[in-house]
Amino acid sequence: MGNIVGIDLGTTFSAIAKLDDTGRPGIVANSDGENITPSVVEFTSATTFLVGREAKKMIGISDDIAEEVKRYMGSSEKKYEFFGETHTPTSISALILKKLKEDTEATHGPIDSAVVTVPANFSNEAREATQEAAEMAGLKIDYIINEPTAAALAYAFQSGKDLNGTFLIYDLGGGTFDCTIAK
């Protein structure tokens, strides 16, 4: 089995996880040693930028900040202008995904493929934009799954039981609130 990861590209924070040597999933720490990376990008010039904690520190200080871009995924109308360059929610999401990818590869080697989670109510356009962002970041995406589905799978795995019955699954994200009933 190759080096496969799961990615939560979040509105406010993003995270990446992979299976350890025993087959258990675990969050991969970023280059700051943290389990989550702020989904914030600060452009410091037309060709340079910061992603994550350092970019988040500049909110309210710098005018060259892109945050909460996930809210606009799939929208052709939302554009960002920094240092004379135009950016889209997709291209900015690609920078966030690239940071997650590079941080993971620095400690775990090349990523072969990924599964990315999205809100259950994401439109087809938003899902396609997420796929495009991942490709721009150099990631091969095997699946895009709904966040509540990922939560249900994680619960089933952690409990070690076959799940029977009806379950109400909440996803209290930083920018979305999903609720799914699974039978």
C-alpha atoms as a PDB file:
ATOM      1  CA  MET A   1       0.000   0.000   0.000  1.00  0.00           C
ATOM      2  CA  GLY A   2       1.334   3.442  -0.931  1.00  0.00           C
ATOM      3  CA  ASN A   3       1.543   6.606   1.089  1.00  0.00           C
ATOM      4  CA  ILE A   4      -2.138   7.608   1.178  1.00  0.00           C
ATOM      5  CA  VAL A   5      -3.437  10.554   3.215  1.00  0.00           C
ATOM      6  CA  GLY A   6      -6.757  12.030   4.229  1.00  0.00           C
ATOM      7  CA  ILE A   7      -7.171  15.792   4.072  1.00  0.00           C
ATOM      8  CA  ASP A   8      -9.691  18.089   5.705  1.00  0.00           C
ATOM      9  CA  LEU A   9      -9.422  21.334   3.745  1.00  0.00           C
ATOM     10  CA  GLY A  10     -11.260  23.479   6.257  1.00  0.00           C
ATOM     11  CA  THR A  11     -12.699  26.963   6.194  1.00  0.00           C
ATOM     12  CA  THR A  12     -10.666  28.098   9.201  1.00  0.00           C
ATOM     13  CA  PHE A  13      -8.199  25.224   9.785  1.00  0.00           C
ATOM     14  CA  SER A  14      -6.962  22.330   7.679  1.00  0.00           C
ATOM     15  CA  ALA A  15      -5.455  18.994   8.669  1.00  0.00           C
ATOM     16  CA  ILE A  16      -3.893  15.946   7.084  1.00  0.00           C
ATOM     17  CA  ALA A  17      -3.832  12.391   8.430  1.00  0.00           C
ATOM     18  CA  LYS A  18      -2.291   9.106   7.406  1.00  0.00           C
ATOM     19  CA  LEU A  19      -2.270   5.539   8.567  1.00  0.00           C
ATOM     20  CA  ASP A  20       0.586   4.588  10.863  1.00  0.00           C
ATOM     21  CA  ASP A  21       2.522   1.317  10.719  1.00  0.00           C
ATOM     22  CA  THR A  22      -0.228  -0.446  12.678  1.00  0.00           C
ATOM     23  CA  GLY A  23      -2.993   0.766  10.336  1.00  0.00           C
ATOM     24  CA  ARG A  24      -4.378   3.371  12.734  1.00  0.00           C
ATOM     25  CA  PRO A  25      -5.084   6.854  11.389  1.00  0.00           C
ATOM     26  CA  GLY A  26      -3.272   9.765  12.967  1.00  0.00           C
ATOM     27  CA  ILE A  27      -2.942  13.469  12.347  1.00  0.00           C
ATOM     28  CA  VAL A  28       0.354  14.535  10.782  1.00  0.00           C
ATOM     29  CA  ALA A  29       1.948  17.526  12.510  1.00  0.00           C
ATOM     30  CA  ASN A  30       2.789  20.478  10.292  1.00  0.00           C
ATOM     31  CA  SER A  31       6.192  22.200  10.163  1.00  0.00           C
ATOM     32  CA  ASP A  32       5.191  24.221  13.249  1.00  0.00           C
ATOM     33  CA  GLY A  33       4.608  20.985  15.184  1.00  0.00           C
ATOM     34  CA  GLU A  34       0.839  21.562  15.273  1.00  0.00           C
ATOM     35  CA  ASN A  35      -1.974  19.199  14.273  1.00  0.00           C
ATOM     36  CA  ILE A  36      -3.928  21.861  12.413  1.00  0.00           C
ATOM     37  CA  THR A  37      -2.889  24.523   9.952  1.00  0.00           C
ATOM     38  CA  PRO A  38      -4.818  27.795   9.710  1.00  0.00           C
ATOM     39  CA  SER A  39      -6.416  28.060   6.250  1.00  0.00           C
ATOM     40  CA  VAL A  40      -4.936  31.521   5.751  1.00  0.00           C
ATOM     41  CA  VAL A  41      -2.559  32.813   3.083  1.00  0.00           C
ATOM     42  CA  GLU A  42      -0.653  36.095   3.243  1.00  0.00           C
ATOM     43  CA  PHE A  43       0.916  37.354   0.044  1.00  0.00           C
ATOM     44  CA  THR A  44       4.202  39.118   0.750  1.00  0.00           C
ATOM     45  CA  SER A  45       4.915  39.868  -2.932  1.00  0.00           C
ATOM     46  CA  ALA A  46       3.564  38.852  -6.339  1.00  0.00           C
ATOM     47  CA  THR A  47       5.452  35.554  -6.068  1.00  0.00           C
ATOM     48  CA  THR A  48       5.899  34.893  -2.345  1.00  0.00           C
ATOM     49  CA  PHE A  49       3.410  34.011   0.351  1.00  0.00           C
ATOM     50  CA  LEU A  50       3.005  32.526   3.818  1.00  0.00           C
ATOM     51  CA  VAL A  51       0.496  29.814   4.701  1.00  0.00           C
ATOM     52  CA  GLY A  52      -0.752  28.914   8.140  1.00  0.00           C
ATOM     53  CA  ARG A  53       0.187  30.255  11.558  1.00  0.00           C
ATOM     54  CA  GLU A  54       2.431  33.104  10.372  1.00  0.00           C
ATOM     55  CA  ALA A  55      -0.192  34.243   7.854  1.00  0.00           C
ATOM     56  CA  LYS A  56      -2.917  34.103  10.506  1.00  0.00           C
ATOM     57  CA  LYS A  57      -0.878  36.395  12.762  1.00  0.00           C
ATOM     58  CA  MET A  58      -1.135  39.067  10.057  1.00  0.00           C
ATOM     59  CA  ILE A  59      -4.950  39.187   9.976  1.00  0.00           C
ATOM     60  CA  GLY A  60      -5.937  42.773  10.707  1.00  0.00           C
ATOM     61  CA  ILE A  61      -2.400  43.978  10.059  1.00  0.00           C
ATOM     62  CA  SER A  62      -1.869  43.145   6.399  1.00  0.00           C
ATOM     63  CA  ASP A  63      -4.299  43.844   3.549  1.00  0.00           C
ATOM     64  CA  ASP A  64      -2.783  41.006   1.551  1.00  0.00           C
ATOM     65  CA  ILE A  65      -4.573  38.178   3.377  1.00  0.00           C
ATOM     66  CA  ALA A  66      -6.864  35.512   1.941  1.00  0.00           C
ATOM     67  CA  GLU A  67      -8.917  33.579   4.475  1.00  0.00           C
ATOM     68  CA  GLU A  68     -12.125  31.527   4.529  1.00  0.00           C
ATOM     69  CA  VAL A  69     -11.755  30.909   0.789  1.00  0.00           C
ATOM     70  CA  LYS A  70     -13.558  27.579   1.131  1.00  0.00           C
ATOM     71  CA  ARG A  71     -16.809  29.550   1.367  1.00  0.00           C
ATOM     72  CA  TYR A  72     -16.314  30.604  -2.259  1.00  0.00           C
ATOM     73  CA  MET A  73     -15.119  27.345  -3.811  1.00  0.00           C
ATOM     74  CA  GLY A  74     -16.743  26.837  -7.188  1.00  0.00           C
ATOM     75  CA  SER A  75     -17.651  30.511  -7.571  1.00  0.00           C
ATOM     76  CA  SER A  76     -16.350  32.154 -10.713  1.00  0.00           C
ATOM     77  CA  GLU A  77     -17.217  35.575  -9.317  1.00  0.00           C
ATOM     78  CA  LYS A  78     -14.953  35.736  -6.249  1.00  0.00           C
ATOM     79  CA  LYS A  79     -11.453  37.002  -7.052  1.00  0.00           C
ATOM     80  CA  TYR A  80      -8.576  38.251  -4.917  1.00  0.00           C
ATOM     81  CA  GLU A  81      -6.012  40.834  -6.050  1.00  0.00           C
ATOM     82  CA  PHE A  82      -2.582  40.935  -4.401  1.00  0.00           C
ATOM     83  CA  PHE A  83       0.447  42.736  -5.821  1.00  0.00           C
ATOM     84  CA  GLY A  84      -1.178  43.032  -9.239  1.00  0.00           C
ATOM     85  CA  GLU A  85      -1.938  39.298  -9.466  1.00  0.00           C
ATOM     86  CA  THR A  86      -5.427  37.788  -9.552  1.00  0.00           C
ATOM     87  CA  HIS A  87      -6.152  34.736  -7.407  1.00  0.00           C
ATOM     88  CA  THR A  88      -9.234  32.548  -7.085  1.00  0.00           C
ATOM     89  CA  PRO A  89     -10.527  30.525  -4.148  1.00  0.00           C
ATOM     90  CA  THR A  90      -9.270  27.464  -6.030  1.00  0.00           C
ATOM     91  CA  SER A  91      -5.726  28.785  -6.500  1.00  0.00           C
ATOM     92  CA  ILE A  92      -5.521  29.908  -2.869  1.00  0.00           C
ATOM     93  CA  SER A  93      -6.847  26.544  -1.666  1.00  0.00           C
ATOM     94  CA  ALA A  94      -4.113  24.950  -3.772  1.00  0.00           C
ATOM     95  CA  LEU A  95      -1.511  26.900  -1.759  1.00  0.00           C
ATOM     96  CA  ILE A  96      -3.000  25.594   1.503  1.00  0.00           C
ATOM     97  CA  LEU A  97      -3.055  22.030   0.168  1.00  0.00           C
ATOM     98  CA  LYS A  98       0.510  22.396  -1.083  1.00  0.00           C
ATOM     99  CA  LYS A  99       1.631  23.437   2.422  1.00  0.00           C
ATOM    100  CA  LEU A 100      -0.064  20.374   3.936  1.00  0.00           C
ATOM    101  CA  LYS A 101       1.505  18.165   1.273  1.00  0.00           C
ATOM    102  CA  GLU A 102       5.020  19.583   1.698  1.00  0.00           C
ATOM    103  CA  ASP A 103       4.897  19.385   5.493  1.00  0.00           C
ATOM    104  CA  THR A 104       3.759  15.753   5.331  1.00  0.00           C
ATOM    105  CA  GLU A 105       6.275  14.743   2.687  1.00  0.00           C
ATOM    106  CA  ALA A 106       9.098  16.292   4.729  1.00  0.00           C
ATOM    107  CA  THR A 107       8.535  13.702   7.454  1.00  0.00           C
ATOM    108  CA  HIS A 108       6.730  10.807   5.723  1.00  0.00           C
ATOM    109  CA  GLY A 109       7.983  10.761   2.145  1.00  0.00           C
ATOM    110  CA  PRO A 110       6.089  11.319  -1.105  1.00  0.00           C
ATOM    111  CA  ILE A 111       2.302  11.176  -1.038  1.00  0.00           C
ATOM    112  CA  ASP A 112       0.883   8.735  -3.574  1.00  0.00           C
ATOM    113  CA  SER A 113      -2.763   9.746  -3.294  1.00  0.00           C
ATOM    114  CA  ALA A 114      -5.303  11.428  -1.054  1.00  0.00           C
ATOM    115  CA  VAL A 115      -8.914  11.471   0.057  1.00  0.00           C
ATOM    116  CA  VAL A 116     -10.294  14.971   0.620  1.00  0.00           C
ATOM    117  CA  THR A 117     -13.382  15.813   2.652  1.00  0.00           C
ATOM    118  CA  VAL A 118     -15.902  18.496   1.716  1.00  0.00           C
ATOM    119  CA  PRO A 119     -19.143  19.743   3.270  1.00  0.00           C
ATOM    120  CA  ALA A 120     -22.146  17.587   2.423  1.00  0.00           C
ATOM    121  CA  ASN A 121     -23.864  20.581   0.839  1.00  0.00           C
ATOM    122  CA  PHE A 122     -20.970  21.433  -1.513  1.00  0.00           C
ATOM    123  CA  SER A 123     -22.191  21.940  -5.070  1.00  0.00           C
ATOM    124  CA  ASN A 124     -20.726  19.999  -7.986  1.00  0.00           C
ATOM    125  CA  GLU A 125     -18.831  23.179  -8.938  1.00  0.00           C
ATOM    126  CA  ALA A 126     -17.323  23.421  -5.445  1.00  0.00           C
ATOM    127  CA  ARG A 127     -16.319  19.747  -5.535  1.00  0.00           C
ATOM    128  CA  GLU A 128     -14.719  20.205  -8.957  1.00  0.00           C
ATOM    129  CA  ALA A 129     -12.885  23.311  -7.685  1.00  0.00           C
ATOM    130  CA  THR A 130     -11.579  21.274  -4.731  1.00  0.00           C
ATOM    131  CA  GLN A 131     -10.359  18.581  -7.132  1.00  0.00           C
ATOM    132  CA  GLU A 132      -8.672  21.251  -9.267  1.00  0.00           C
ATOM    133  CA  ALA A 133      -7.000  22.830  -6.214  1.00  0.00           C
ATOM    134  CA  ALA A 134      -5.615  19.441  -5.207  1.00  0.00           C
ATOM    135  CA  GLU A 135      -4.244  18.858  -8.707  1.00  0.00           C
ATOM    136  CA  MET A 136      -2.657  22.334  -8.683  1.00  0.00           C
ATOM    137  CA  ALA A 137      -0.977  21.365  -5.383  1.00  0.00           C
ATOM    138  CA  GLY A 138       0.429  18.216  -6.961  1.00  0.00           C
ATOM    139  CA  LEU A 139      -1.935  15.791  -5.247  1.00  0.00           C
ATOM    140  CA  LYS A 140      -3.609  12.789  -6.859  1.00  0.00           C
ATOM    141  CA  ILE A 141      -7.113  12.555  -5.416  1.00  0.00           C
ATOM    142  CA  ASP A 142      -8.694   9.101  -5.150  1.00  0.00           C
ATOM    143  CA  TYR A 143     -11.936  10.286  -3.567  1.00  0.00           C
ATOM    144  CA  ILE A 144     -13.753  13.372  -2.395  1.00  0.00           C
ATOM    145  CA  ILE A 145     -16.123  12.415   0.405  1.00  0.00           C
ATOM    146  CA  ASN A 146     -18.600  14.313   2.542  1.00  0.00           C
ATOM    147  CA  GLU A 147     -17.315  15.436   5.927  1.00  0.00           C
ATOM    148  CA  PRO A 148     -20.120  13.712   7.865  1.00  0.00           C
ATOM    149  CA  THR A 149     -19.289  10.476   6.026  1.00  0.00           C
ATOM    150  CA  ALA A 150     -15.676  10.833   7.127  1.00  0.00           C
ATOM    151  CA  ALA A 151     -16.860  11.424  10.700  1.00  0.00           C
ATOM    152  CA  ALA A 152     -19.022   8.279  10.583  1.00  0.00           C
ATOM    153  CA  LEU A 153     -16.137   6.209   9.210  1.00  0.00           C
ATOM    154  CA  ALA A 154     -13.802   7.539  11.898  1.00  0.00           C
ATOM    155  CA  TYR A 155     -16.330   6.715  14.610  1.00  0.00           C
ATOM    156  CA  ALA A 156     -16.852   3.208  13.264  1.00  0.00           C
ATOM    157  CA  PHE A 157     -13.102   2.638  13.113  1.00  0.00           C
ATOM    158  CA  GLN A 158     -12.441   3.992  16.606  1.00  0.00           C
ATOM    159  CA  SER A 159     -15.306   2.069  18.181  1.00  0.00           C
ATOM    160  CA  GLY A 160     -14.192  -1.174  16.542  1.00  0.00           C
ATOM    161  CA  LYS A 161     -17.823  -2.204  16.163  1.00  0.00           C
ATOM    162  CA  ASP A 162     -20.110  -2.826  13.245  1.00  0.00           C
ATOM    163  CA  LEU A 163     -22.542   0.049  13.223  1.00  0.00           C
ATOM    164  CA  ASN A 164     -26.184  -0.948  13.141  1.00  0.00           C
ATOM    165  CA  GLY A 165     -29.126   1.385  13.459  1.00  0.00           C
ATOM    166  CA  THR A 166     -29.668   5.024  12.658  1.00  0.00           C
ATOM    167  CA  PHE A 167     -27.053   7.643  13.461  1.00  0.00           C
ATOM    168  CA  LEU A 168     -27.219  11.414  13.508  1.00  0.00           C
ATOM    169  CA  ILE A 169     -23.821  12.812  12.565  1.00  0.00           C
ATOM    170  CA  TYR A 170     -22.886  16.423  13.286  1.00  0.00           C
ATOM    171  CA  ASP A 171     -19.940  18.195  11.733  1.00  0.00           C
ATOM    172  CA  LEU A 172     -19.338  21.428  13.609  1.00  0.00           C
ATOM    173  CA  GLY A 173     -16.757  22.997  11.331  1.00  0.00           C
ATOM    174  CA  GLY A 174     -15.290  26.459  11.477  1.00  0.00           C
ATOM    175  CA  GLY A 175     -17.335  27.585   8.501  1.00  0.00           C
ATOM    176  CA  THR A 176     -19.980  24.943   7.998  1.00  0.00           C
ATOM    177  CA  PHE A 177     -22.439  22.980  10.081  1.00  0.00           C
ATOM    178  CA  ASP A 178     -23.393  19.656   8.512  1.00  0.00           C
ATOM    179  CA  CYS A 179     -25.875  17.186   9.861  1.00  0.00           C
ATOM    180  CA  THR A 180     -26.400  13.788   8.263  1.00  0.00           C
ATOM    181  CA  ILE A 181     -28.606  10.850   9.171  1.00  0.00           C
ATOM    182  CA  ALA A 182     -27.039   7.499   8.328  1.00  0.00           C
ATOM    183  CA  LYS A 183     -28.750   4.113   8.467  1.00  0.00           C
END
